Amino acid sequence: MSLTIPSSFPTASHDAPSVSSTAPPAQPAAESAPYVVKLTEAEQAYQLSLQDQTVPQIADKLSVTVAAVNSYLGITNSS
């Protein structure tokens, strides 16, 4: 699972007075690849649990055991 963050965000238009500056005008940003955040299996398991996925569903999606998912989520067997 990865999270993609766009490299540019839309800017809001405000009716603020303009401010003069001696600095040169800003250069347009070069096109760059978006940031990609790679989550660990434990982080992925937590995110999936927040989406109401069951432990077996998370284990299947991550190709790990139910015991591993339980460990990631801090779930212990109560006897």
PDB file of N, CA and C in Angstrom:
ATOM      1  N   MET A   1       0.851  -1.159   0.000  1.00  0.00           N
ATOM      2  CA  MET A   1       0.000   0.000   0.000  1.00  0.00           C
ATOM      3  C   MET A   1       0.897   1.220   0.000  1.00  0.00           C
ATOM      4  N   SER A   2       0.620   2.174  -0.853  1.00  0.00           N
ATOM      5  CA  SER A   2       1.385   3.400  -0.843  1.00  0.00           C
ATOM      6  C   SER A   2       0.449   4.585  -0.944  1.00  0.00           C
ATOM      7  N   LEU A   3       0.897   5.673  -0.429  1.00  0.00           N
ATOM      8  CA  LEU A   3       0.130   6.905  -0.419  1.00  0.00           C
ATOM      9  C   LEU A   3       0.823   7.868  -1.345  1.00  0.00           C
ATOM     10  N   THR A   4       0.097   8.433  -2.305  1.00  0.00           N
ATOM     11  CA  THR A   4       0.676   9.362  -3.248  1.00  0.00           C
ATOM     12  C   THR A   4       0.230  10.766  -2.898  1.00  0.00           C
ATOM     13  N   ILE A   5       1.194  11.666  -2.802  1.00  0.00           N
ATOM     14  CA  ILE A   5       0.917  13.058  -2.512  1.00  0.00           C
ATOM     15  C   ILE A   5       1.311  13.862  -3.741  1.00  0.00           C
ATOM     16  N   PRO A   6       0.366  14.600  -4.330  1.00  0.00           N
ATOM     17  CA  PRO A   6       0.709  15.370  -5.522  1.00  0.00           C
ATOM     18  C   PRO A   6       1.792  16.399  -5.210  1.00  0.00           C
ATOM     19  N   SER A   7       2.622  16.697  -6.216  1.00  0.00           N
ATOM     20  CA  SER A   7       3.715  17.631  -5.996  1.00  0.00           C
ATOM     21  C   SER A   7       3.249  19.074  -6.012  1.00  0.00           C
ATOM     22  N   SER A   8       2.055  19.334  -6.488  1.00  0.00           N
ATOM     23  CA  SER A   8       1.547  20.700  -6.451  1.00  0.00           C
ATOM     24  C   SER A   8       0.124  20.691  -5.938  1.00  0.00           C
ATOM     25  N   PHE A   9      -0.221  21.723  -5.247  1.00  0.00           N
ATOM     26  CA  PHE A   9      -1.540  21.842  -4.674  1.00  0.00           C
ATOM     27  C   PHE A   9      -2.200  23.087  -5.248  1.00  0.00           C
ATOM     28  N   PRO A  10      -3.516  23.047  -5.451  1.00  0.00           N
ATOM     29  CA  PRO A  10      -4.181  24.250  -5.945  1.00  0.00           C
ATOM     30  C   PRO A  10      -4.072  25.355  -4.901  1.00  0.00           C
ATOM     31  N   THR A  11      -3.935  26.562  -5.370  1.00  0.00           N
ATOM     32  CA  THR A  11      -3.834  27.681  -4.454  1.00  0.00           C
ATOM     33  C   THR A  11      -5.147  28.437  -4.431  1.00  0.00           C
ATOM     34  N   ALA A  12      -5.466  28.957  -3.272  1.00  0.00           N
ATOM     35  CA  ALA A  12      -6.700  29.720  -3.120  1.00  0.00           C
ATOM     36  C   ALA A  12      -6.443  31.159  -3.533  1.00  0.00           C
ATOM     37  N   SER A  13      -7.425  31.770  -4.113  1.00  0.00           N
ATOM     38  CA  SER A  13      -7.322  33.159  -4.516  1.00  0.00           C
ATOM     39  C   SER A  13      -7.882  34.027  -3.396  1.00  0.00           C
ATOM     40  N   HIS A  14      -7.094  34.993  -2.970  1.00  0.00           N
ATOM     41  CA  HIS A  14      -7.530  35.892  -1.908  1.00  0.00           C
ATOM     42  C   HIS A  14      -7.461  37.318  -2.425  1.00  0.00           C
ATOM     43  N   ASP A  15      -8.312  38.164  -1.935  1.00  0.00           N
ATOM     44  CA  ASP A  15      -8.309  39.569  -2.312  1.00  0.00           C
ATOM     45  C   ASP A  15      -7.433  40.361  -1.348  1.00  0.00           C
ATOM     46  N   ALA A  16      -6.216  39.958  -1.209  1.00  0.00           N
ATOM     47  CA  ALA A  16      -5.278  40.629  -0.325  1.00  0.00           C
ATOM     48  C   ALA A  16      -4.511  41.668  -1.132  1.00  0.00           C
ATOM     49  N   PRO A  17      -4.111  42.741  -0.487  1.00  0.00           N
ATOM     50  CA  PRO A  17      -3.334  43.748  -1.214  1.00  0.00           C
ATOM     51  C   PRO A  17      -1.991  43.163  -1.627  1.00  0.00           C
ATOM     52  N   SER A  18      -1.502  43.601  -2.768  1.00  0.00           N
ATOM     53  CA  SER A  18      -0.230  43.080  -3.232  1.00  0.00           C
ATOM     54  C   SER A  18       0.903  43.739  -2.466  1.00  0.00           C
ATOM     55  N   VAL A  19       1.962  42.999  -2.299  1.00  0.00           N
ATOM     56  CA  VAL A  19       3.118  43.485  -1.568  1.00  0.00           C
ATOM     57  C   VAL A  19       4.270  43.540  -2.547  1.00  0.00           C
ATOM     58  N   SER A  20       4.912  44.704  -2.624  1.00  0.00           N
ATOM     59  CA  SER A  20       6.038  44.810  -3.536  1.00  0.00           C
ATOM     60  C   SER A  20       7.282  44.281  -2.847  1.00  0.00           C
ATOM     61  N   SER A  21       8.164  43.745  -3.638  1.00  0.00           N
ATOM     62  CA  SER A  21       9.358  43.132  -3.094  1.00  0.00           C
ATOM     63  C   SER A  21      10.502  43.371  -4.044  1.00  0.00           C
ATOM     64  N   THR A  22      11.702  43.381  -3.510  1.00  0.00           N
ATOM     65  CA  THR A  22      12.874  43.525  -4.363  1.00  0.00           C
ATOM     66  C   THR A  22      13.383  42.167  -4.834  1.00  0.00           C
ATOM     67  N   ALA A  23      12.781  41.110  -4.332  1.00  0.00           N
ATOM     68  CA  ALA A  23      13.196  39.757  -4.722  1.00  0.00           C
ATOM     69  C   ALA A  23      12.728  39.481  -6.146  1.00  0.00           C
ATOM     70  N   PRO A  24      13.504  38.701  -6.898  1.00  0.00           N
ATOM     71  CA  PRO A  24      13.073  38.360  -8.262  1.00  0.00           C
ATOM     72  C   PRO A  24      11.812  37.507  -8.219  1.00  0.00           C
ATOM     73  N   PRO A  25      11.036  37.531  -9.296  1.00  0.00           N
ATOM     74  CA  PRO A  25       9.817  36.713  -9.313  1.00  0.00           C
ATOM     75  C   PRO A  25      10.147  35.238  -9.165  1.00  0.00           C
ATOM     76  N   ALA A  26       9.250  34.510  -8.537  1.00  0.00           N
ATOM     77  CA  ALA A  26       9.459  33.076  -8.314  1.00  0.00           C
ATOM     78  C   ALA A  26       9.479  32.339  -9.643  1.00  0.00           C
ATOM     79  N   GLN A  27      10.367  31.382  -9.722  1.00  0.00           N
ATOM     80  CA  GLN A  27      10.466  30.550 -10.922  1.00  0.00           C
ATOM     81  C   GLN A  27       9.446  29.430 -10.819  1.00  0.00           C
ATOM     82  N   PRO A  28       8.791  29.067 -11.919  1.00  0.00           N
ATOM     83  CA  PRO A  28       7.854  27.934 -11.853  1.00  0.00           C
ATOM     84  C   PRO A  28       8.607  26.659 -11.492  1.00  0.00           C
ATOM     85  N   ALA A  29       7.994  25.856 -10.664  1.00  0.00           N
ATOM     86  CA  ALA A  29       8.615  24.601 -10.230  1.00  0.00           C
ATOM     87  C   ALA A  29       8.710  23.636 -11.402  1.00  0.00           C
ATOM     88  N   ALA A  30       9.807  22.941 -11.462  1.00  0.00           N
ATOM     89  CA  ALA A  30       9.980  21.924 -12.503  1.00  0.00           C
ATOM     90  C   ALA A  30       9.041  20.769 -12.207  1.00  0.00           C
ATOM     91  N   GLU A  31       8.553  20.136 -13.234  1.00  0.00           N
ATOM     92  CA  GLU A  31       7.690  18.975 -13.046  1.00  0.00           C
ATOM     93  C   GLU A  31       8.499  17.887 -12.353  1.00  0.00           C
ATOM     94  N   SER A  32       7.940  17.375 -11.295  1.00  0.00           N
ATOM     95  CA  SER A  32       8.631  16.316 -10.575  1.00  0.00           C
ATOM     96  C   SER A  32       7.636  15.212 -10.253  1.00  0.00           C
ATOM     97  N   ALA A  33       8.177  14.075  -9.945  1.00  0.00           N
ATOM     98  CA  ALA A  33       7.336  12.928  -9.601  1.00  0.00           C
ATOM     99  C   ALA A  33       6.676  13.190  -8.259  1.00  0.00           C
ATOM    100  N   PRO A  34       5.462  12.671  -8.061  1.00  0.00           N
ATOM    101  CA  PRO A  34       4.810  12.858  -6.764  1.00  0.00           C
ATOM    102  C   PRO A  34       5.548  12.084  -5.684  1.00  0.00           C
ATOM    103  N   TYR A  35       5.377  12.532  -4.451  1.00  0.00           N
ATOM    104  CA  TYR A  35       5.971  11.814  -3.328  1.00  0.00           C
ATOM    105  C   TYR A  35       5.221  10.506  -3.129  1.00  0.00           C
ATOM    106  N   VAL A  36       5.949   9.462  -2.807  1.00  0.00           N
ATOM    107  CA  VAL A  36       5.345   8.167  -2.534  1.00  0.00           C
ATOM    108  C   VAL A  36       5.798   7.729  -1.144  1.00  0.00           C
ATOM    109  N   VAL A  37       4.821   7.409  -0.312  1.00  0.00           N
ATOM    110  CA  VAL A  37       5.116   6.956   1.036  1.00  0.00           C
ATOM    111  C   VAL A  37       4.879   5.455   1.081  1.00  0.00           C
ATOM    112  N   LYS A  38       5.906   4.700   1.436  1.00  0.00           N
ATOM    113  CA  LYS A  38       5.776   3.254   1.531  1.00  0.00           C
ATOM    114  C   LYS A  38       5.567   2.889   3.000  1.00  0.00           C
ATOM    115  N   LEU A  39       4.455   2.204   3.261  1.00  0.00           N
ATOM    116  CA  LEU A  39       4.121   1.809   4.620  1.00  0.00           C
ATOM    117  C   LEU A  39       4.636   0.408   4.913  1.00  0.00           C
ATOM    118  N   THR A  40       5.017   0.179   6.160  1.00  0.00           N
ATOM    119  CA  THR A  40       5.401  -1.164   6.578  1.00  0.00           C
ATOM    120  C   THR A  40       4.147  -2.035   6.613  1.00  0.00           C
ATOM    121  N   GLU A  41       4.336  -3.344   6.731  1.00  0.00           N
ATOM    122  CA  GLU A  41       3.176  -4.242   6.836  1.00  0.00           C
ATOM    123  C   GLU A  41       2.338  -3.889   8.061  1.00  0.00           C
ATOM    124  N   ALA A  42       2.988  -3.551   9.168  1.00  0.00           N
ATOM    125  CA  ALA A  42       2.254  -3.197  10.386  1.00  0.00           C
ATOM    126  C   ALA A  42       1.413  -1.936  10.159  1.00  0.00           C
ATOM    127  N   GLU A  43       1.989  -0.951   9.490  1.00  0.00           N
ATOM    128  CA  GLU A  43       1.247   0.278   9.203  1.00  0.00           C
ATOM    129  C   GLU A  43       0.093   0.019   8.244  1.00  0.00           C
ATOM    130  N   GLN A  44       0.342  -0.844   7.254  1.00  0.00           N
ATOM    131  CA  GLN A  44      -0.719  -1.197   6.316  1.00  0.00           C
ATOM    132  C   GLN A  44      -1.853  -1.911   7.041  1.00  0.00           C
ATOM    133  N   ALA A  45      -1.492  -2.817   7.943  1.00  0.00           N
ATOM    134  CA  ALA A  45      -2.502  -3.552   8.710  1.00  0.00           C
ATOM    135  C   ALA A  45      -3.340  -2.582   9.527  1.00  0.00           C
ATOM    136  N   TYR A  46      -2.695  -1.627  10.155  1.00  0.00           N
ATOM    137  CA  TYR A  46      -3.422  -0.641  10.962  1.00  0.00           C
ATOM    138  C   TYR A  46      -4.367   0.173  10.085  1.00  0.00           C
ATOM    139  N   GLN A  47      -3.896   0.632   8.941  1.00  0.00           N
ATOM    140  CA  GLN A  47      -4.745   1.413   8.035  1.00  0.00           C
ATOM    141  C   GLN A  47      -5.938   0.591   7.556  1.00  0.00           C
ATOM    142  N   LEU A  48      -5.713  -0.672   7.229  1.00  0.00           N
ATOM    143  CA  LEU A  48      -6.814  -1.529   6.788  1.00  0.00           C
ATOM    144  C   LEU A  48      -7.804  -1.773   7.925  1.00  0.00           C
ATOM    145  N   SER A  49      -7.299  -1.882   9.157  1.00  0.00           N
ATOM    146  CA  SER A  49      -8.210  -2.077  10.287  1.00  0.00           C
ATOM    147  C   SER A  49      -9.077  -0.841  10.490  1.00  0.00           C
ATOM    148  N   LEU A  50      -8.522   0.336  10.207  1.00  0.00           N
ATOM    149  CA  LEU A  50      -9.308   1.569  10.297  1.00  0.00           C
ATOM    150  C   LEU A  50     -10.411   1.618   9.239  1.00  0.00           C
ATOM    151  N   GLN A  51     -10.230   0.826   8.185  1.00  0.00           N
ATOM    152  CA  GLN A  51     -11.233   0.748   7.116  1.00  0.00           C
ATOM    153  C   GLN A  51     -12.199  -0.412   7.365  1.00  0.00           C
ATOM    154  N   ASP A  52     -12.244  -0.881   8.602  1.00  0.00           N
ATOM    155  CA  ASP A  52     -13.154  -1.950   9.028  1.00  0.00           C
ATOM    156  C   ASP A  52     -12.908  -3.286   8.339  1.00  0.00           C
ATOM    157  N   GLN A  53     -11.658  -3.549   7.941  1.00  0.00           N
ATOM    158  CA  GLN A  53     -11.296  -4.853   7.408  1.00  0.00           C
ATOM    159  C   GLN A  53     -11.100  -5.796   8.596  1.00  0.00           C
ATOM    160  N   THR A  54     -11.501  -7.040   8.433  1.00  0.00           N
ATOM    161  CA  THR A  54     -11.294  -8.023   9.492  1.00  0.00           C
ATOM    162  C   THR A  54      -9.846  -8.511   9.460  1.00  0.00           C
ATOM    163  N   VAL A  55      -9.421  -9.127  10.554  1.00  0.00           N
ATOM    164  CA  VAL A  55      -8.055  -9.641  10.630  1.00  0.00           C
ATOM    165  C   VAL A  55      -7.778 -10.641   9.502  1.00  0.00           C
ATOM    166  N   PRO A  56      -8.686 -11.624   9.243  1.00  0.00           N
ATOM    167  CA  PRO A  56      -8.423 -12.543   8.127  1.00  0.00           C
ATOM    168  C   PRO A  56      -8.348 -11.823   6.770  1.00  0.00           C
ATOM    169  N   GLN A  57      -9.172 -10.799   6.579  1.00  0.00           N
ATOM    170  CA  GLN A  57      -9.117 -10.046   5.315  1.00  0.00           C
ATOM    171  C   GLN A  57      -7.782  -9.317   5.175  1.00  0.00           C
ATOM    172  N   ILE A  58      -7.323  -8.728   6.275  1.00  0.00           N
ATOM    173  CA  ILE A  58      -6.042  -8.015   6.254  1.00  0.00           C
ATOM    174  C   ILE A  58      -4.908  -8.997   5.977  1.00  0.00           C
ATOM    175  N   ALA A  59      -4.941 -10.149   6.648  1.00  0.00           N
ATOM    176  CA  ALA A  59      -3.902 -11.163   6.444  1.00  0.00           C
ATOM    177  C   ALA A  59      -3.861 -11.600   4.987  1.00  0.00           C
ATOM    178  N   ASP A  60      -5.029 -11.804   4.400  1.00  0.00           N
ATOM    179  CA  ASP A  60      -5.098 -12.217   3.002  1.00  0.00           C
ATOM    180  C   ASP A  60      -4.555 -11.128   2.086  1.00  0.00           C
ATOM    181  N   LYS A  61      -4.951  -9.898   2.333  1.00  0.00           N
ATOM    182  CA  LYS A  61      -4.522  -8.779   1.486  1.00  0.00           C
ATOM    183  C   LYS A  61      -3.012  -8.570   1.556  1.00  0.00           C
ATOM    184  N   LEU A  62      -2.433  -8.739   2.743  1.00  0.00           N
ATOM    185  CA  LEU A  62      -0.996  -8.527   2.917  1.00  0.00           C
ATOM    186  C   LEU A  62      -0.169  -9.793   2.692  1.00  0.00           C
ATOM    187  N   SER A  63      -0.843 -10.914   2.461  1.00  0.00           N
ATOM    188  CA  SER A  63      -0.171 -12.210   2.268  1.00  0.00           C
ATOM    189  C   SER A  63       0.684 -12.577   3.483  1.00  0.00           C
ATOM    190  N   VAL A  64       0.096 -12.386   4.669  1.00  0.00           N
ATOM    191  CA  VAL A  64       0.757 -12.770   5.913  1.00  0.00           C
ATOM    192  C   VAL A  64      -0.226 -13.611   6.724  1.00  0.00           C
ATOM    193  N   THR A  65       0.243 -14.154   7.833  1.00  0.00           N
ATOM    194  CA  THR A  65      -0.629 -14.979   8.671  1.00  0.00           C
ATOM    195  C   THR A  65      -1.525 -14.108   9.546  1.00  0.00           C
ATOM    196  N   VAL A  66      -2.602 -14.714  10.025  1.00  0.00           N
ATOM    197  CA  VAL A  66      -3.500 -14.039  10.965  1.00  0.00           C
ATOM    198  C   VAL A  66      -2.720 -13.681  12.227  1.00  0.00           C
ATOM    199  N   ALA A  67      -1.826 -14.575  12.657  1.00  0.00           N
ATOM    200  CA  ALA A  67      -1.014 -14.308  13.848  1.00  0.00           C
ATOM    201  C   ALA A  67      -0.151 -13.060  13.651  1.00  0.00           C
ATOM    202  N   ALA A  68       0.381 -12.888  12.456  1.00  0.00           N
ATOM    203  CA  ALA A  68       1.197 -11.701  12.173  1.00  0.00           C
ATOM    204  C   ALA A  68       0.347 -10.437  12.269  1.00  0.00           C
ATOM    205  N   VAL A  69      -0.847 -10.465  11.698  1.00  0.00           N
ATOM    206  CA  VAL A  69      -1.732  -9.302  11.753  1.00  0.00           C
ATOM    207  C   VAL A  69      -2.109  -9.013  13.202  1.00  0.00           C
ATOM    208  N   ASN A  70      -2.423 -10.059  13.961  1.00  0.00           N
ATOM    209  CA  ASN A  70      -2.737  -9.867  15.379  1.00  0.00           C
ATOM    210  C   ASN A  70      -1.570  -9.192  16.102  1.00  0.00           C
ATOM    211  N   SER A  71      -0.366  -9.608  15.774  1.00  0.00           N
ATOM    212  CA  SER A  71       0.821  -9.017  16.381  1.00  0.00           C
ATOM    213  C   SER A  71       0.944  -7.546  15.989  1.00  0.00           C
ATOM    214  N   TYR A  72       0.747  -7.234  14.704  1.00  0.00           N
ATOM    215  CA  TYR A  72       0.834  -5.856  14.226  1.00  0.00           C
ATOM    216  C   TYR A  72      -0.175  -4.958  14.942  1.00  0.00           C
ATOM    217  N   LEU A  73      -1.361  -5.506  15.205  1.00  0.00           N
ATOM    218  CA  LEU A  73      -2.442  -4.717  15.792  1.00  0.00           C
ATOM    219  C   LEU A  73      -2.483  -4.791  17.311  1.00  0.00           C
ATOM    220  N   GLY A  74      -1.558  -5.562  17.894  1.00  0.00           N
ATOM    221  CA  GLY A  74      -1.507  -5.681  19.345  1.00  0.00           C
ATOM    222  C   GLY A  74      -2.646  -6.503  19.918  1.00  0.00           C
ATOM    223  N   ILE A  75      -3.142  -7.439  19.134  1.00  0.00           N
ATOM    224  CA  ILE A  75      -4.236  -8.296  19.575  1.00  0.00           C
ATOM    225  C   ILE A  75      -3.632  -9.548  20.199  1.00  0.00           C
ATOM    226  N   THR A  76      -4.061  -9.859  21.421  1.00  0.00           N
ATOM    227  CA  THR A  76      -3.575 -11.066  22.088  1.00  0.00           C
ATOM    228  C   THR A  76      -4.732 -12.028  22.288  1.00  0.00           C
ATOM    229  N   ASN A  77      -4.405 -13.310  22.334  1.00  0.00           N
ATOM    230  CA  ASN A  77      -5.416 -14.326  22.594  1.00  0.00           C
ATOM    231  C   ASN A  77      -5.743 -14.317  24.080  1.00  0.00           C
ATOM    232  N   SER A  78      -7.020 -14.216  24.399  1.00  0.00           N
ATOM    233  CA  SER A  78      -7.408 -14.278  25.815  1.00  0.00           C
ATOM    234  C   SER A  78      -7.913 -15.677  26.107  1.00  0.00           C
ATOM    235  N   SER A  79      -7.400 -16.270  27.168  1.00  0.00           N
ATOM    236  CA  SER A  79      -7.780 -17.636  27.522  1.00  0.00           C
ATOM    237  C   SER A  79      -8.597 -17.640  28.782  1.00  0.00           C
TER     238      SER A  79
END
